[in-house]
PDB file of N, CA and C in Angstrom:
ATOM      1  N   MET A   1      23.093  16.227  28.515  1.00  0.00           N
ATOM      2  CA  MET A   1      22.485  15.808  27.340  1.00  0.00           C
ATOM      3  C   MET A   1      20.912  15.847  27.457  1.00  0.00           C
ATOM      4  N   ARG A   2      20.285  16.367  26.518  1.00  0.00           N
ATOM      5  CA  ARG A   2      18.872  16.548  26.543  1.00  0.00           C
ATOM      6  C   ARG A   2      18.224  15.198  25.994  1.00  0.00           C
ATOM      7  N   VAL A   3      17.238  14.803  26.640  1.00  0.00           N
ATOM      8  CA  VAL A   3      16.528  13.557  26.244  1.00  0.00           C
ATOM      9  C   VAL A   3      15.312  14.057  25.293  1.00  0.00           C
ATOM     10  N   ARG A   4      15.273  13.342  24.078  1.00  0.00           N
ATOM     11  CA  ARG A   4      14.283  13.675  23.179  1.00  0.00           C
ATOM     12  C   ARG A   4      13.439  12.391  22.858  1.00  0.00           C
ATOM     13  N   TRP A   5      12.217  12.600  22.574  1.00  0.00           N
ATOM     14  CA  TRP A   5      11.323  11.400  22.353  1.00  0.00           C
ATOM     15  C   TRP A   5      11.420  11.116  20.860  1.00  0.00           C
ATOM     16  N   ALA A   6      11.149   9.918  20.521  1.00  0.00           N
ATOM     17  CA  ALA A   6      11.193   9.452  19.168  1.00  0.00           C
ATOM     18  C   ALA A   6      10.326  10.280  18.146  1.00  0.00           C
ATOM     19  N   SER A   7       9.153  10.622  18.686  1.00  0.00           N
ATOM     20  CA  SER A   7       8.209  11.505  17.958  1.00  0.00           C
ATOM     21  C   SER A   7       8.944  12.796  17.579  1.00  0.00           C
ATOM     22  N   GLU A   8       9.652  13.373  18.401  1.00  0.00           N
ATOM     23  CA  GLU A   8      10.393  14.664  18.126  1.00  0.00           C
ATOM     24  C   GLU A   8      11.346  14.457  16.995  1.00  0.00           C
ATOM     25  N   TYR A   9      12.070  13.303  16.924  1.00  0.00           N
ATOM     26  CA  TYR A   9      12.999  13.059  15.866  1.00  0.00           C
ATOM     27  C   TYR A   9      12.276  12.841  14.512  1.00  0.00           C
ATOM     28  N   VAL A  10      11.213  12.094  14.611  1.00  0.00           N
ATOM     29  CA  VAL A  10      10.231  12.029  13.360  1.00  0.00           C
ATOM     30  C   VAL A  10       9.848  13.331  12.863  1.00  0.00           C
ATOM     31  N   ARG A  11       9.476  14.192  13.740  1.00  0.00           N
ATOM     32  CA  ARG A  11       9.044  15.516  13.325  1.00  0.00           C
ATOM     33  C   ARG A  11      10.240  16.218  12.595  1.00  0.00           C
ATOM     34  N   LEU A  12      11.365  16.030  13.182  1.00  0.00           N
ATOM     35  CA  LEU A  12      12.531  16.708  12.554  1.00  0.00           C
ATOM     36  C   LEU A  12      12.804  16.256  11.121  1.00  0.00           C
ATOM     37  N   ALA A  13      12.722  14.880  10.950  1.00  0.00           N
ATOM     38  CA  ALA A  13      12.871  14.236   9.591  1.00  0.00           C
ATOM     39  C   ALA A  13      11.796  14.673   8.651  1.00  0.00           C
ATOM     40  N   ALA A  14      10.509  14.769   9.201  1.00  0.00           N
ATOM     41  CA  ALA A  14       9.444  15.138   8.327  1.00  0.00           C
ATOM     42  C   ALA A  14       9.588  16.680   7.854  1.00  0.00           C
ATOM     43  N   GLY A  15      10.256  17.375   8.656  1.00  0.00           N
ATOM     44  CA  GLY A  15      10.581  18.781   8.375  1.00  0.00           C
ATOM     45  C   GLY A  15      11.730  18.979   7.434  1.00  0.00           C
ATOM     46  N   GLY A  16      12.364  17.945   6.974  1.00  0.00           N
ATOM     47  CA  GLY A  16      13.496  18.081   6.038  1.00  0.00           C
ATOM     48  C   GLY A  16      14.853  17.753   6.552  1.00  0.00           C
ATOM     49  N   GLU A  17      14.908  17.483   7.818  1.00  0.00           N
ATOM     50  CA  GLU A  17      16.310  17.206   8.374  1.00  0.00           C
ATOM     51  C   GLU A  17      16.629  15.748   8.445  1.00  0.00           C
ATOM     52  N   THR A  18      17.924  15.380   8.346  1.00  0.00           N
ATOM     53  CA  THR A  18      18.412  14.058   8.480  1.00  0.00           C
ATOM     54  C   THR A  18      18.807  13.915   9.888  1.00  0.00           C
ATOM     55  N   VAL A  19      18.294  12.807  10.578  1.00  0.00           N
ATOM     56  CA  VAL A  19      18.640  12.618  11.952  1.00  0.00           C
ATOM     57  C   VAL A  19      19.464  11.342  12.025  1.00  0.00           C
ATOM     58  N   LEU A  20      20.652  11.456  12.728  1.00  0.00           N
ATOM     59  CA  LEU A  20      21.509  10.339  12.804  1.00  0.00           C
ATOM     60  C   LEU A  20      21.163   9.634  14.163  1.00  0.00           C
ATOM     61  N   VAL A  21      21.041   8.298  14.091  1.00  0.00           N
ATOM     62  CA  VAL A  21      20.897   7.585  15.341  1.00  0.00           C
ATOM     63  C   VAL A  21      22.154   6.836  15.597  1.00  0.00           C
ATOM     64  N   THR A  22      22.641   7.098  16.846  1.00  0.00           N
ATOM     65  CA  THR A  22      23.933   6.507  17.272  1.00  0.00           C
ATOM     66  C   THR A  22      23.886   5.498  18.421  1.00  0.00           C
ATOM     67  N   ASP A  23      24.798   4.699  18.434  1.00  0.00           N
ATOM     68  CA  ASP A  23      25.063   3.837  19.592  1.00  0.00           C
ATOM     69  C   ASP A  23      26.495   3.859  19.961  1.00  0.00           C
ATOM     70  N   ARG A  24      26.769   4.473  21.160  1.00  0.00           N
ATOM     71  CA  ARG A  24      28.116   4.573  21.613  1.00  0.00           C
ATOM     72  C   ARG A  24      28.992   5.268  20.602  1.00  0.00           C
ATOM     73  N   ASP A  25      28.573   6.436  20.097  1.00  0.00           N
ATOM     74  CA  ASP A  25      29.170   7.328  19.109  1.00  0.00           C
ATOM     75  C   ASP A  25      29.398   6.604  17.801  1.00  0.00           C
ATOM     76  N   ARG A  26      28.618   5.627  17.450  1.00  0.00           N
ATOM     77  CA  ARG A  26      28.676   4.963  16.173  1.00  0.00           C
ATOM     78  C   ARG A  26      27.289   5.165  15.572  1.00  0.00           C
ATOM     79  N   VAL A  27      27.297   5.669  14.312  1.00  0.00           N
ATOM     80  CA  VAL A  27      26.058   5.809  13.562  1.00  0.00           C
ATOM     81  C   VAL A  27      25.460   4.520  13.179  1.00  0.00           C
ATOM     82  N   VAL A  28      24.312   4.234  13.604  1.00  0.00           N
ATOM     83  CA  VAL A  28      23.695   2.840  13.342  1.00  0.00           C
ATOM     84  C   VAL A  28      22.380   2.978  12.358  1.00  0.00           C
ATOM     85  N   ALA A  29      21.873   4.197  12.238  1.00  0.00           N
ATOM     86  CA  ALA A  29      20.697   4.354  11.387  1.00  0.00           C
ATOM     87  C   ALA A  29      20.421   5.851  11.154  1.00  0.00           C
ATOM     88  N   GLU A  30      19.702   6.114  10.069  1.00  0.00           N
ATOM     89  CA  GLU A  30      19.295   7.492   9.704  1.00  0.00           C
ATOM     90  C   GLU A  30      17.796   7.671   9.566  1.00  0.00           C
ATOM     91  N   LEU A  31      17.277   8.712  10.081  1.00  0.00           N
ATOM     92  CA  LEU A  31      15.852   9.043   9.693  1.00  0.00           C
ATOM     93  C   LEU A  31      16.041  10.234   8.723  1.00  0.00           C
ATOM     94  N   VAL A  32      15.399  10.016   7.568  1.00  0.00           N
ATOM     95  CA  VAL A  32      15.418  10.972   6.483  1.00  0.00           C
ATOM     96  C   VAL A  32      14.072  11.306   5.997  1.00  0.00           C
ATOM     97  N   PRO A  33      13.918  12.538   5.487  1.00  0.00           N
ATOM     98  CA  PRO A  33      12.663  12.904   4.896  1.00  0.00           C
ATOM     99  C   PRO A  33      12.326  11.978   3.739  1.00  0.00           C
ATOM    100  N   PRO A  34      10.940  11.814   3.494  1.00  0.00           N
ATOM    101  CA  PRO A  34      10.575  10.988   2.361  1.00  0.00           C
ATOM    102  C   PRO A  34      11.145  11.433   1.146  1.00  0.00           C
ATOM    103  N   ARG A  35      11.533  10.502   0.174  1.00  0.00           N
ATOM    104  CA  ARG A  35      12.172  10.854  -1.043  1.00  0.00           C
ATOM    105  C   ARG A  35      11.154  11.564  -1.933  1.00  0.00           C
ATOM    106  N   GLU A  36      11.677  12.239  -2.920  1.00  0.00           N
ATOM    107  CA  GLU A  36      10.916  13.029  -3.922  1.00  0.00           C
ATOM    108  C   GLU A  36      10.000  12.110  -4.616  1.00  0.00           C
ATOM    109  N   GLY A  37       8.644  12.421  -4.701  1.00  0.00           N
ATOM    110  CA  GLY A  37       7.747  11.715  -5.489  1.00  0.00           C
ATOM    111  C   GLY A  37       7.033  10.561  -4.655  1.00  0.00           C
ATOM    112  N   ARG A  38       7.324  10.379  -3.433  1.00  0.00           N
ATOM    113  CA  ARG A  38       6.728   9.422  -2.652  1.00  0.00           C
ATOM    114  C   ARG A  38       5.406   9.942  -2.105  1.00  0.00           C
ATOM    115  N   SER A  39       4.356   9.148  -2.249  1.00  0.00           N
ATOM    116  CA  SER A  39       3.037   9.495  -1.835  1.00  0.00           C
ATOM    117  C   SER A  39       2.997   9.677  -0.380  1.00  0.00           C
ATOM    118  N   ALA A  40       2.129  10.558   0.142  1.00  0.00           N
ATOM    119  CA  ALA A  40       1.960  10.793   1.555  1.00  0.00           C
ATOM    120  C   ALA A  40       1.025   9.670   2.206  1.00  0.00           C
ATOM    121  N   LEU A  41       0.329   8.926   1.325  1.00  0.00           N
ATOM    122  CA  LEU A  41      -0.538   7.942   1.770  1.00  0.00           C
ATOM    123  C   LEU A  41       0.140   6.623   2.130  1.00  0.00           C
ATOM    124  N   LEU A  42      -0.114   6.132   3.296  1.00  0.00           N
ATOM    125  CA  LEU A  42       0.550   4.907   3.738  1.00  0.00           C
ATOM    126  C   LEU A  42       0.312   3.719   2.750  1.00  0.00           C
ATOM    127  N   ALA A  43      -0.956   3.586   2.375  1.00  0.00           N
ATOM    128  CA  ALA A  43      -1.319   2.402   1.475  1.00  0.00           C
ATOM    129  C   ALA A  43      -0.514   2.462   0.175  1.00  0.00           C
ATOM    130  N   ASP A  44      -0.260   3.717  -0.333  1.00  0.00           N
ATOM    131  CA  ASP A  44       0.537   3.774  -1.559  1.00  0.00           C
ATOM    132  C   ASP A  44       1.966   3.448  -1.306  1.00  0.00           C
ATOM    133  N   ALA A  45       2.532   3.739  -0.094  1.00  0.00           N
ATOM    134  CA  ALA A  45       3.866   3.401   0.225  1.00  0.00           C
ATOM    135  C   ALA A  45       3.953   1.889   0.420  1.00  0.00           C
ATOM    136  N   GLN A  46       2.999   1.267   1.045  1.00  0.00           N
ATOM    137  CA  GLN A  46       2.935  -0.176   1.253  1.00  0.00           C
ATOM    138  C   GLN A  46       2.864  -0.919  -0.113  1.00  0.00           C
ATOM    139  N   LEU A  47       2.060  -0.423  -1.029  1.00  0.00           N
ATOM    140  CA  LEU A  47       1.965  -1.063  -2.278  1.00  0.00           C
ATOM    141  C   LEU A  47       3.252  -0.905  -3.107  1.00  0.00           C
ATOM    142  N   ALA A  48       3.900   0.207  -3.080  1.00  0.00           N
ATOM    143  CA  ALA A  48       5.198   0.398  -3.837  1.00  0.00           C
ATOM    144  C   ALA A  48       6.211  -0.613  -3.148  1.00  0.00           C
ATOM    145  N   ASP A  49       6.220  -0.767  -1.863  1.00  0.00           N
ATOM    146  CA  ASP A  49       7.119  -1.736  -1.145  1.00  0.00           C
ATOM    147  C   ASP A  49       6.887  -3.123  -1.552  1.00  0.00           C
ATOM    148  N   ALA A  50       5.569  -3.443  -1.586  1.00  0.00           N
ATOM    149  CA  ALA A  50       5.196  -4.811  -2.034  1.00  0.00           C
ATOM    150  C   ALA A  50       5.652  -5.203  -3.526  1.00  0.00           C
ATOM    151  N   VAL A  51       5.557  -4.148  -4.379  1.00  0.00           N
ATOM    152  CA  VAL A  51       5.962  -4.322  -5.762  1.00  0.00           C
ATOM    153  C   VAL A  51       7.581  -4.447  -5.759  1.00  0.00           C
ATOM    154  N   SER A  52       8.229  -3.622  -5.019  1.00  0.00           N
ATOM    155  CA  SER A  52       9.650  -3.680  -4.998  1.00  0.00           C
ATOM    156  C   SER A  52      10.201  -5.112  -4.378  1.00  0.00           C
ATOM    157  N   GLN A  53       9.413  -5.576  -3.400  1.00  0.00           N
ATOM    158  CA  GLN A  53       9.827  -6.814  -2.821  1.00  0.00           C
ATOM    159  C   GLN A  53       9.437  -8.091  -3.710  1.00  0.00           C
ATOM    160  N   GLY A  54       8.641  -7.758  -4.700  1.00  0.00           N
ATOM    161  CA  GLY A  54       8.276  -8.902  -5.679  1.00  0.00           C
ATOM    162  C   GLY A  54       6.945  -9.661  -5.137  1.00  0.00           C
ATOM    163  N   TRP A  55       6.352  -9.076  -4.079  1.00  0.00           N
ATOM    164  CA  TRP A  55       5.159  -9.745  -3.637  1.00  0.00           C
ATOM    165  C   TRP A  55       3.905  -9.531  -4.546  1.00  0.00           C
ATOM    166  N   VAL A  56       3.925  -8.312  -5.252  1.00  0.00           N
ATOM    167  CA  VAL A  56       2.887  -8.005  -6.082  1.00  0.00           C
ATOM    168  C   VAL A  56       3.433  -7.558  -7.466  1.00  0.00           C
ATOM    169  N   THR A  57       2.793  -7.981  -8.522  1.00  0.00           N
ATOM    170  CA  THR A  57       3.145  -7.584  -9.881  1.00  0.00           C
ATOM    171  C   THR A  57       2.225  -6.613 -10.400  1.00  0.00           C
ATOM    172  N   PRO A  58       2.750  -5.453 -10.918  1.00  0.00           N
ATOM    173  CA  PRO A  58       1.868  -4.379 -11.393  1.00  0.00           C
ATOM    174  C   PRO A  58       1.303  -4.973 -12.736  1.00  0.00           C
ATOM    175  N   PRO A  59       0.102  -4.398 -13.096  1.00  0.00           N
ATOM    176  CA  PRO A  59      -0.628  -4.792 -14.392  1.00  0.00           C
ATOM    177  C   PRO A  59       0.324  -4.453 -15.594  1.00  0.00           C
ATOM    178  N   ALA A  60       0.348  -5.272 -16.575  1.00  0.00           N
ATOM    179  CA  ALA A  60       1.020  -5.033 -17.876  1.00  0.00           C
ATOM    180  C   ALA A  60       0.442  -3.859 -18.573  1.00  0.00           C
ATOM    181  N   ILE A  61      -0.897  -3.704 -18.565  1.00  0.00           N
ATOM    182  CA  ILE A  61      -1.580  -2.614 -19.243  1.00  0.00           C
ATOM    183  C   ILE A  61      -2.419  -1.887 -18.171  1.00  0.00           C
ATOM    184  N   VAL A  62      -2.238  -0.577 -18.182  1.00  0.00           N
ATOM    185  CA  VAL A  62      -2.959   0.270 -17.327  1.00  0.00           C
ATOM    186  C   VAL A  62      -4.241   0.781 -17.995  1.00  0.00           C
ATOM    187  N   ALA A  63      -5.355   0.384 -17.355  1.00  0.00           N
ATOM    188  CA  ALA A  63      -6.627   0.845 -17.951  1.00  0.00           C
ATOM    189  C   ALA A  63      -7.045   2.107 -17.263  1.00  0.00           C
ATOM    190  N   HIS A  64      -7.837   2.946 -18.015  1.00  0.00           N
ATOM    191  CA  HIS A  64      -8.270   4.220 -17.462  1.00  0.00           C
ATOM    192  C   HIS A  64      -9.673   4.068 -17.259  1.00  0.00           C
ATOM    193  N   GLY A  65     -10.142   4.555 -16.171  1.00  0.00           N
ATOM    194  CA  GLY A  65     -11.627   4.616 -15.764  1.00  0.00           C
ATOM    195  C   GLY A  65     -12.093   3.281 -15.287  1.00  0.00           C
ATOM    196  N   VAL A  66     -13.338   3.219 -14.957  1.00  0.00           N
ATOM    197  CA  VAL A  66     -13.914   2.040 -14.404  1.00  0.00           C
ATOM    198  C   VAL A  66     -14.437   1.072 -15.609  1.00  0.00           C
ATOM    199  N   PRO A  67     -14.131  -0.247 -15.478  1.00  0.00           N
ATOM    200  CA  PRO A  67     -14.506  -1.118 -16.507  1.00  0.00           C
ATOM    201  C   PRO A  67     -16.083  -1.108 -16.610  1.00  0.00           C
ATOM    202  N   ALA A  68     -16.548  -1.428 -17.891  1.00  0.00           N
ATOM    203  CA  ALA A  68     -18.051  -1.370 -18.106  1.00  0.00           C
ATOM    204  C   ALA A  68     -18.669  -2.574 -17.413  1.00  0.00           C
ATOM    205  N   HIS A  69     -19.814  -2.299 -16.779  1.00  0.00           N
ATOM    206  CA  HIS A  69     -20.579  -3.278 -16.032  1.00  0.00           C
ATOM    207  C   HIS A  69     -21.293  -4.106 -16.937  1.00  0.00           C
ATOM    208  N   THR A  70     -20.950  -5.336 -17.119  1.00  0.00           N
ATOM    209  CA  THR A  70     -21.562  -6.327 -18.101  1.00  0.00           C
ATOM    210  C   THR A  70     -21.931  -7.494 -17.216  1.00  0.00           C
ATOM    211  N   PRO A  71     -23.308  -7.620 -16.896  1.00  0.00           N
ATOM    212  CA  PRO A  71     -23.731  -8.746 -16.153  1.00  0.00           C
ATOM    213  C   PRO A  71     -23.511 -10.041 -16.849  1.00  0.00           C
ATOM    214  N   LEU A  72     -23.119 -11.114 -16.104  1.00  0.00           N
ATOM    215  CA  LEU A  72     -22.965 -12.450 -16.718  1.00  0.00           C
ATOM    216  C   LEU A  72     -24.281 -13.124 -16.940  1.00  0.00           C
ATOM    217  N   ALA A  73     -25.289 -12.834 -16.027  1.00  0.00           N
ATOM    218  CA  ALA A  73     -26.566 -13.508 -16.234  1.00  0.00           C
ATOM    219  C   ALA A  73     -27.568 -12.632 -15.564  1.00  0.00           C
ATOM    220  N   THR A  74     -28.832 -12.784 -15.862  1.00  0.00           N
ATOM    221  CA  THR A  74     -29.961 -12.011 -15.238  1.00  0.00           C
ATOM    222  C   THR A  74     -30.169 -12.778 -13.895  1.00  0.00           C
ATOM    223  N   LEU A  75     -30.906 -12.149 -13.007  1.00  0.00           N
ATOM    224  CA  LEU A  75     -31.452 -12.689 -11.749  1.00  0.00           C
ATOM    225  C   LEU A  75     -32.316 -13.983 -12.053  1.00  0.00           C
ATOM    226  N   HIS A  76     -33.082 -13.778 -13.075  1.00  0.00           N
ATOM    227  CA  HIS A  76     -33.996 -14.879 -13.369  1.00  0.00           C
ATOM    228  C   HIS A  76     -33.181 -16.135 -13.836  1.00  0.00           C
ATOM    229  N   GLU A  77     -32.230 -15.931 -14.675  1.00  0.00           N
ATOM    230  CA  GLU A  77     -31.341 -17.064 -15.104  1.00  0.00           C
ATOM    231  C   GLU A  77     -30.530 -17.698 -13.994  1.00  0.00           C
ATOM    232  N   LEU A  78     -30.121 -16.884 -13.059  1.00  0.00           N
ATOM    233  CA  LEU A  78     -29.295 -17.382 -11.908  1.00  0.00           C
ATOM    234  C   LEU A  78     -30.261 -18.266 -10.958  1.00  0.00           C
ATOM    235  N   LEU A  79     -31.490 -17.767 -10.788  1.00  0.00           N
ATOM    236  CA  LEU A  79     -32.503 -18.462  -9.874  1.00  0.00           C
ATOM    237  C   LEU A  79     -32.917 -19.764 -10.558  1.00  0.00           C
ATOM    238  N   ARG A  80     -33.062 -19.765 -11.874  1.00  0.00           N
ATOM    239  CA  ARG A  80     -33.399 -21.007 -12.556  1.00  0.00           C
ATOM    240  C   ARG A  80     -32.293 -21.985 -12.484  1.00  0.00           C
ATOM    241  N   ASP A  81     -31.057 -21.561 -12.702  1.00  0.00           N
ATOM    242  CA  ASP A  81     -29.917 -22.435 -12.586  1.00  0.00           C
ATOM    243  C   ASP A  81     -29.806 -23.068 -11.131  1.00  0.00           C
ATOM    244  N   LEU A  82     -30.061 -22.196 -10.227  1.00  0.00           N
ATOM    245  CA  LEU A  82     -29.983 -22.700  -8.848  1.00  0.00           C
ATOM    246  C   LEU A  82     -31.117 -23.754  -8.506  1.00  0.00           C
ATOM    247  N   ALA A  83     -32.275 -23.479  -9.079  1.00  0.00           N
ATOM    248  CA  ALA A  83     -33.392 -24.467  -8.923  1.00  0.00           C
ATOM    249  C   ALA A  83     -33.066 -25.815  -9.680  1.00  0.00           C
ATOM    250  N   ASP A  84     -32.488 -25.632 -10.836  1.00  0.00           N
ATOM    251  CA  ASP A  84     -32.142 -26.830 -11.660  1.00  0.00           C
ATOM    252  C   ASP A  84     -31.134 -27.676 -10.880  1.00  0.00           C
ATOM    253  N   GLY A  85     -30.140 -26.967 -10.237  1.00  0.00           N
ATOM    254  CA  GLY A  85     -29.065 -27.631  -9.510  1.00  0.00           C
ATOM    255  C   GLY A  85     -29.614 -28.381  -8.301  1.00  0.00           C
ATOM    256  N   ARG A  86     -30.614 -27.832  -7.672  1.00  0.00           N
ATOM    257  CA  ARG A  86     -31.180 -28.396  -6.549  1.00  0.00           C
ATOM    258  C   ARG A  86     -32.041 -29.696  -6.947  1.00  0.00           C
ATOM    259  N   ALA A  87     -32.742 -29.558  -8.069  1.00  0.00           N
ATOM    260  CA  ALA A  87     -33.615 -30.660  -8.612  1.00  0.00           C
ATOM    261  C   ALA A  87     -32.699 -31.900  -8.894  1.00  0.00           C
ATOM    262  N   ASP A  88     -31.455 -31.700  -9.314  1.00  0.00           N
ATOM    263  CA  ASP A  88     -30.536 -32.771  -9.673  1.00  0.00           C
ATOM    264  C   ASP A  88     -30.110 -33.646  -8.406  1.00  0.00           C
ATOM    265  N   ARG A  89     -30.359 -33.184  -7.229  1.00  0.00           N
ATOM    266  CA  ARG A  89     -29.983 -33.859  -6.027  1.00  0.00           C
ATOM    267  C   ARG A  89     -30.905 -35.019  -5.692  1.00  0.00           C
TER     268      ARG A  89
END
């Protein structure tokens, strides 16, 4: 029996093969290629898993592009409010 390393099995699965993992001639797991449409990026896969587990809820409305930058206050207003807050102490 030839000994193979786990990385070799992963390469086989990445190449399109299904690898059966056995324990005493009993199949206990499968390594399969990524399913169609799965992103190659780990972060995308983790986000999709978090959504399927219910840890994260996707947005109800998908916005396109970057939201407009609308400042809440000017620097002058912020500094004045900070000074007023300190004067109240």
